[in-house]
Amino acid sequence: RAMFDLRPQDESTAPVDLRLYVRADGQPLTETWVYQWTPPQRPEQARLLHDAAAPVARE
């Protein structure tokens, strides 16, 4: 399982190509995962960045 946060350096909404695989000792252990992510448009982008910075409520 892999988890990561991706935040474009500028305000571009151009698609981003992602490629991921797991390797050990230089040898691939998994198949390659390929995905094209499209950043949200500007109003949605601002909301997501605000929500990401907000503290998480704990019960």
PDB file of N, CA and C in Angstrom:
ATOM      1  N   ARG A   1       0.852  -1.164   0.000  1.00  0.00           N
ATOM      2  CA  ARG A   1       0.000   0.000   0.000  1.00  0.00           C
ATOM      3  C   ARG A   1       0.901   1.230   0.000  1.00  0.00           C
ATOM      4  N   ALA A   2       0.521   2.207  -0.782  1.00  0.00           N
ATOM      5  CA  ALA A   2       1.271   3.466  -0.840  1.00  0.00           C
ATOM      6  C   ALA A   2       0.297   4.618  -0.622  1.00  0.00           C
ATOM      7  N   MET A   3       0.751   5.601   0.125  1.00  0.00           N
ATOM      8  CA  MET A   3      -0.062   6.802   0.351  1.00  0.00           C
ATOM      9  C   MET A   3       0.843   8.005   0.164  1.00  0.00           C
ATOM     10  N   PHE A   4       0.294   9.046  -0.433  1.00  0.00           N
ATOM     11  CA  PHE A   4       1.065  10.266  -0.627  1.00  0.00           C
ATOM     12  C   PHE A   4       0.114  11.425  -0.847  1.00  0.00           C
ATOM     13  N   ASP A   5       0.612  12.621  -0.627  1.00  0.00           N
ATOM     14  CA  ASP A   5      -0.117  13.855  -0.924  1.00  0.00           C
ATOM     15  C   ASP A   5       0.549  14.470  -2.137  1.00  0.00           C
ATOM     16  N   LEU A   6      -0.265  14.949  -3.050  1.00  0.00           N
ATOM     17  CA  LEU A   6       0.253  15.589  -4.251  1.00  0.00           C
ATOM     18  C   LEU A   6      -0.342  16.980  -4.339  1.00  0.00           C
ATOM     19  N   ARG A   7       0.509  17.965  -4.375  1.00  0.00           N
ATOM     20  CA  ARG A   7       0.069  19.352  -4.471  1.00  0.00           C
ATOM     21  C   ARG A   7       0.925  20.024  -5.543  1.00  0.00           C
ATOM     22  N   PRO A   8       0.318  20.409  -6.677  1.00  0.00           N
ATOM     23  CA  PRO A   8       1.102  21.074  -7.728  1.00  0.00           C
ATOM     24  C   PRO A   8       1.785  22.333  -7.188  1.00  0.00           C
ATOM     25  N   GLN A   9       2.997  22.614  -7.687  1.00  0.00           N
ATOM     26  CA  GLN A   9       3.746  23.778  -7.220  1.00  0.00           C
ATOM     27  C   GLN A   9       3.122  25.090  -7.670  1.00  0.00           C
ATOM     28  N   ASP A  10       2.429  25.067  -8.785  1.00  0.00           N
ATOM     29  CA  ASP A  10       1.764  26.281  -9.244  1.00  0.00           C
ATOM     30  C   ASP A  10       0.260  26.023  -9.254  1.00  0.00           C
ATOM     31  N   GLU A  11      -0.500  26.902  -9.837  1.00  0.00           N
ATOM     32  CA  GLU A  11      -1.953  26.738  -9.855  1.00  0.00           C
ATOM     33  C   GLU A  11      -2.432  26.038 -11.117  1.00  0.00           C
ATOM     34  N   SER A  12      -1.558  25.295 -11.740  1.00  0.00           N
ATOM     35  CA  SER A  12      -1.897  24.600 -12.979  1.00  0.00           C
ATOM     36  C   SER A  12      -2.975  23.548 -12.732  1.00  0.00           C
ATOM     37  N   THR A  13      -3.837  23.389 -13.704  1.00  0.00           N
ATOM     38  CA  THR A  13      -4.829  22.314 -13.655  1.00  0.00           C
ATOM     39  C   THR A  13      -4.529  21.283 -14.740  1.00  0.00           C
ATOM     40  N   ALA A  14      -3.285  21.295 -15.250  1.00  0.00           N
ATOM     41  CA  ALA A  14      -2.868  20.323 -16.263  1.00  0.00           C
ATOM     42  C   ALA A  14      -2.779  18.938 -15.625  1.00  0.00           C
ATOM     43  N   PRO A  15      -3.130  17.888 -16.358  1.00  0.00           N
ATOM     44  CA  PRO A  15      -3.036  16.533 -15.823  1.00  0.00           C
ATOM     45  C   PRO A  15      -1.602  16.184 -15.407  1.00  0.00           C
ATOM     46  N   VAL A  16      -1.495  15.349 -14.383  1.00  0.00           N
ATOM     47  CA  VAL A  16      -0.206  14.894 -13.868  1.00  0.00           C
ATOM     48  C   VAL A  16      -0.148  13.383 -14.048  1.00  0.00           C
ATOM     49  N   ASP A  17       0.902  12.886 -14.692  1.00  0.00           N
ATOM     50  CA  ASP A  17       1.079  11.447 -14.869  1.00  0.00           C
ATOM     51  C   ASP A  17       1.817  10.878 -13.668  1.00  0.00           C
ATOM     52  N   LEU A  18       1.252   9.841 -13.058  1.00  0.00           N
ATOM     53  CA  LEU A  18       1.856   9.180 -11.899  1.00  0.00           C
ATOM     54  C   LEU A  18       2.205   7.747 -12.267  1.00  0.00           C
ATOM     55  N   ARG A  19       3.323   7.269 -11.750  1.00  0.00           N
ATOM     56  CA  ARG A  19       3.758   5.897 -11.988  1.00  0.00           C
ATOM     57  C   ARG A  19       4.402   5.404 -10.693  1.00  0.00           C
ATOM     58  N   LEU A  20       4.023   4.216 -10.249  1.00  0.00           N
ATOM     59  CA  LEU A  20       4.519   3.706  -8.979  1.00  0.00           C
ATOM     60  C   LEU A  20       4.733   2.204  -9.059  1.00  0.00           C
ATOM     61  N   TYR A  21       5.848   1.758  -8.483  1.00  0.00           N
ATOM     62  CA  TYR A  21       6.065   0.330  -8.294  1.00  0.00           C
ATOM     63  C   TYR A  21       6.966   0.151  -7.078  1.00  0.00           C
ATOM     64  N   VAL A  22       6.948  -1.032  -6.517  1.00  0.00           N
ATOM     65  CA  VAL A  22       7.751  -1.342  -5.339  1.00  0.00           C
ATOM     66  C   VAL A  22       8.938  -2.178  -5.787  1.00  0.00           C
ATOM     67  N   ARG A  23      10.128  -1.839  -5.262  1.00  0.00           N
ATOM     68  CA  ARG A  23      11.310  -2.635  -5.581  1.00  0.00           C
ATOM     69  C   ARG A  23      12.166  -2.808  -4.332  1.00  0.00           C
ATOM     70  N   ALA A  24      12.986  -3.848  -4.340  1.00  0.00           N
ATOM     71  CA  ALA A  24      13.935  -4.120  -3.265  1.00  0.00           C
ATOM     72  C   ALA A  24      15.225  -4.615  -3.906  1.00  0.00           C
ATOM     73  N   ASP A  25      16.335  -4.119  -3.427  1.00  0.00           N
ATOM     74  CA  ASP A  25      17.646  -4.476  -3.981  1.00  0.00           C
ATOM     75  C   ASP A  25      17.695  -4.261  -5.487  1.00  0.00           C
ATOM     76  N   GLY A  26      17.022  -3.205  -5.953  1.00  0.00           N
ATOM     77  CA  GLY A  26      17.039  -2.869  -7.371  1.00  0.00           C
ATOM     78  C   GLY A  26      16.140  -3.720  -8.244  1.00  0.00           C
ATOM     79  N   GLN A  27      15.429  -4.673  -7.659  1.00  0.00           N
ATOM     80  CA  GLN A  27      14.555  -5.559  -8.428  1.00  0.00           C
ATOM     81  C   GLN A  27      13.092  -5.203  -8.170  1.00  0.00           C
ATOM     82  N   PRO A  28      12.284  -5.073  -9.233  1.00  0.00           N
ATOM     83  CA  PRO A  28      10.863  -4.775  -9.026  1.00  0.00           C
ATOM     84  C   PRO A  28      10.153  -5.937  -8.328  1.00  0.00           C
ATOM     85  N   LEU A  29       9.296  -5.594  -7.367  1.00  0.00           N
ATOM     86  CA  LEU A  29       8.525  -6.606  -6.642  1.00  0.00           C
ATOM     87  C   LEU A  29       7.057  -6.609  -7.060  1.00  0.00           C
ATOM     88  N   THR A  30       6.619  -5.539  -7.708  1.00  0.00           N
ATOM     89  CA  THR A  30       5.213  -5.428  -8.091  1.00  0.00           C
ATOM     90  C   THR A  30       5.108  -4.975  -9.538  1.00  0.00           C
ATOM     91  N   GLU A  31       3.909  -5.067 -10.057  1.00  0.00           N
ATOM     92  CA  GLU A  31       3.651  -4.482 -11.367  1.00  0.00           C
ATOM     93  C   GLU A  31       3.629  -2.963 -11.215  1.00  0.00           C
ATOM     94  N   THR A  32       3.685  -2.255 -12.313  1.00  0.00           N
ATOM     95  CA  THR A  32       3.683  -0.792 -12.288  1.00  0.00           C
ATOM     96  C   THR A  32       2.256  -0.273 -12.314  1.00  0.00           C
ATOM     97  N   TRP A  33       1.963   0.632 -11.390  1.00  0.00           N
ATOM     98  CA  TRP A  33       0.667   1.305 -11.316  1.00  0.00           C
ATOM     99  C   TRP A  33       0.815   2.620 -12.060  1.00  0.00           C
ATOM    100  N   VAL A  34      -0.091   2.899 -12.998  1.00  0.00           N
ATOM    101  CA  VAL A  34      -0.053   4.128 -13.787  1.00  0.00           C
ATOM    102  C   VAL A  34      -1.401   4.825 -13.642  1.00  0.00           C
ATOM    103  N   TYR A  35      -1.360   6.139 -13.406  1.00  0.00           N
ATOM    104  CA  TYR A  35      -2.585   6.898 -13.197  1.00  0.00           C
ATOM    105  C   TYR A  35      -2.372   8.320 -13.696  1.00  0.00           C
ATOM    106  N   GLN A  36      -3.399   8.904 -14.274  1.00  0.00           N
ATOM    107  CA  GLN A  36      -3.342  10.314 -14.649  1.00  0.00           C
ATOM    108  C   GLN A  36      -4.315  11.075 -13.754  1.00  0.00           C
ATOM    109  N   TRP A  37      -3.768  11.983 -12.946  1.00  0.00           N
ATOM    110  CA  TRP A  37      -4.561  12.774 -12.006  1.00  0.00           C
ATOM    111  C   TRP A  37      -4.740  14.174 -12.568  1.00  0.00           C
ATOM    112  N   THR A  38      -5.951  14.678 -12.513  1.00  0.00           N
ATOM    113  CA  THR A  38      -6.231  16.040 -12.945  1.00  0.00           C
ATOM    114  C   THR A  38      -6.541  16.873 -11.708  1.00  0.00           C
ATOM    115  N   PRO A  39      -5.721  17.892 -11.422  1.00  0.00           N
ATOM    116  CA  PRO A  39      -5.987  18.743 -10.259  1.00  0.00           C
ATOM    117  C   PRO A  39      -7.357  19.407 -10.373  1.00  0.00           C
ATOM    118  N   PRO A  40      -7.994  19.686  -9.250  1.00  0.00           N
ATOM    119  CA  PRO A  40      -9.299  20.353  -9.288  1.00  0.00           C
ATOM    120  C   PRO A  40      -9.168  21.771  -9.839  1.00  0.00           C
ATOM    121  N   GLN A  41     -10.270  22.296 -10.324  1.00  0.00           N
ATOM    122  CA  GLN A  41     -10.294  23.670 -10.810  1.00  0.00           C
ATOM    123  C   GLN A  41     -10.085  24.625  -9.637  1.00  0.00           C
ATOM    124  N   ARG A  42      -9.759  25.856  -9.892  1.00  0.00           N
ATOM    125  CA  ARG A  42      -9.341  26.808  -8.856  1.00  0.00           C
ATOM    126  C   ARG A  42     -10.282  26.939  -7.659  1.00  0.00           C
ATOM    127  N   PRO A  43     -11.601  27.156  -7.814  1.00  0.00           N
ATOM    128  CA  PRO A  43     -12.437  27.285  -6.603  1.00  0.00           C
ATOM    129  C   PRO A  43     -12.399  26.017  -5.741  1.00  0.00           C
ATOM    130  N   GLU A  44     -12.465  24.869  -6.369  1.00  0.00           N
ATOM    131  CA  GLU A  44     -12.418  23.601  -5.640  1.00  0.00           C
ATOM    132  C   GLU A  44     -11.034  23.399  -5.031  1.00  0.00           C
ATOM    133  N   GLN A  45     -10.000  23.795  -5.746  1.00  0.00           N
ATOM    134  CA  GLN A  45      -8.628  23.660  -5.262  1.00  0.00           C
ATOM    135  C   GLN A  45      -8.443  24.457  -3.964  1.00  0.00           C
ATOM    136  N   ALA A  46      -8.953  25.671  -3.918  1.00  0.00           N
ATOM    137  CA  ALA A  46      -8.834  26.504  -2.721  1.00  0.00           C
ATOM    138  C   ALA A  46      -9.550  25.855  -1.540  1.00  0.00           C
ATOM    139  N   ARG A  47     -10.726  25.288  -1.773  1.00  0.00           N
ATOM    140  CA  ARG A  47     -11.472  24.632  -0.694  1.00  0.00           C
ATOM    141  C   ARG A  47     -10.710  23.420  -0.173  1.00  0.00           C
ATOM    142  N   LEU A  48     -10.155  22.606  -1.085  1.00  0.00           N
ATOM    143  CA  LEU A  48      -9.426  21.411  -0.670  1.00  0.00           C
ATOM    144  C   LEU A  48      -8.180  21.765   0.132  1.00  0.00           C
ATOM    145  N   LEU A  49      -7.450  22.794  -0.300  1.00  0.00           N
ATOM    146  CA  LEU A  49      -6.260  23.212   0.436  1.00  0.00           C
ATOM    147  C   LEU A  49      -6.639  23.734   1.814  1.00  0.00           C
ATOM    148  N   HIS A  50      -7.739  24.468   1.914  1.00  0.00           N
ATOM    149  CA  HIS A  50      -8.208  24.965   3.209  1.00  0.00           C
ATOM    150  C   HIS A  50      -8.580  23.799   4.116  1.00  0.00           C
ATOM    151  N   ASP A  51      -9.326  22.826   3.576  1.00  0.00           N
ATOM    152  CA  ASP A  51      -9.746  21.666   4.367  1.00  0.00           C
ATOM    153  C   ASP A  51      -8.544  20.845   4.822  1.00  0.00           C
ATOM    154  N   ALA A  52      -7.521  20.727   3.978  1.00  0.00           N
ATOM    155  CA  ALA A  52      -6.336  19.940   4.324  1.00  0.00           C
ATOM    156  C   ALA A  52      -5.559  20.589   5.468  1.00  0.00           C
ATOM    157  N   ALA A  53      -5.614  21.913   5.564  1.00  0.00           N
ATOM    158  CA  ALA A  53      -4.886  22.628   6.611  1.00  0.00           C
ATOM    159  C   ALA A  53      -5.659  22.682   7.927  1.00  0.00           C
ATOM    160  N   ALA A  54      -6.951  22.394   7.885  1.00  0.00           N
ATOM    161  CA  ALA A  54      -7.782  22.468   9.091  1.00  0.00           C
ATOM    162  C   ALA A  54      -7.437  21.322  10.041  1.00  0.00           C
ATOM    163  N   PRO A  55      -7.455  21.578  11.337  1.00  0.00           N
ATOM    164  CA  PRO A  55      -7.188  20.499  12.299  1.00  0.00           C
ATOM    165  C   PRO A  55      -8.279  19.429  12.240  1.00  0.00           C
ATOM    166  N   VAL A  56      -7.883  18.215  12.507  1.00  0.00           N
ATOM    167  CA  VAL A  56      -8.817  17.087  12.491  1.00  0.00           C
ATOM    168  C   VAL A  56      -9.525  17.013  13.838  1.00  0.00           C
ATOM    169  N   ALA A  57     -10.853  16.947  13.814  1.00  0.00           N
ATOM    170  CA  ALA A  57     -11.640  16.833  15.050  1.00  0.00           C
ATOM    171  C   ALA A  57     -11.508  15.417  15.598  1.00  0.00           C
ATOM    172  N   ARG A  58     -11.233  15.312  16.862  1.00  0.00           N
ATOM    173  CA  ARG A  58     -11.103  13.998  17.501  1.00  0.00           C
ATOM    174  C   ARG A  58     -12.175  13.862  18.567  1.00  0.00           C
ATOM    175  N   GLU A  59     -12.725  12.679  18.650  1.00  0.00           N
ATOM    176  CA  GLU A  59     -13.783  12.434  19.641  1.00  0.00           C
ATOM    177  C   GLU A  59     -13.213  11.874  20.909  1.00  0.00           C
TER     178      GLU A  59
END
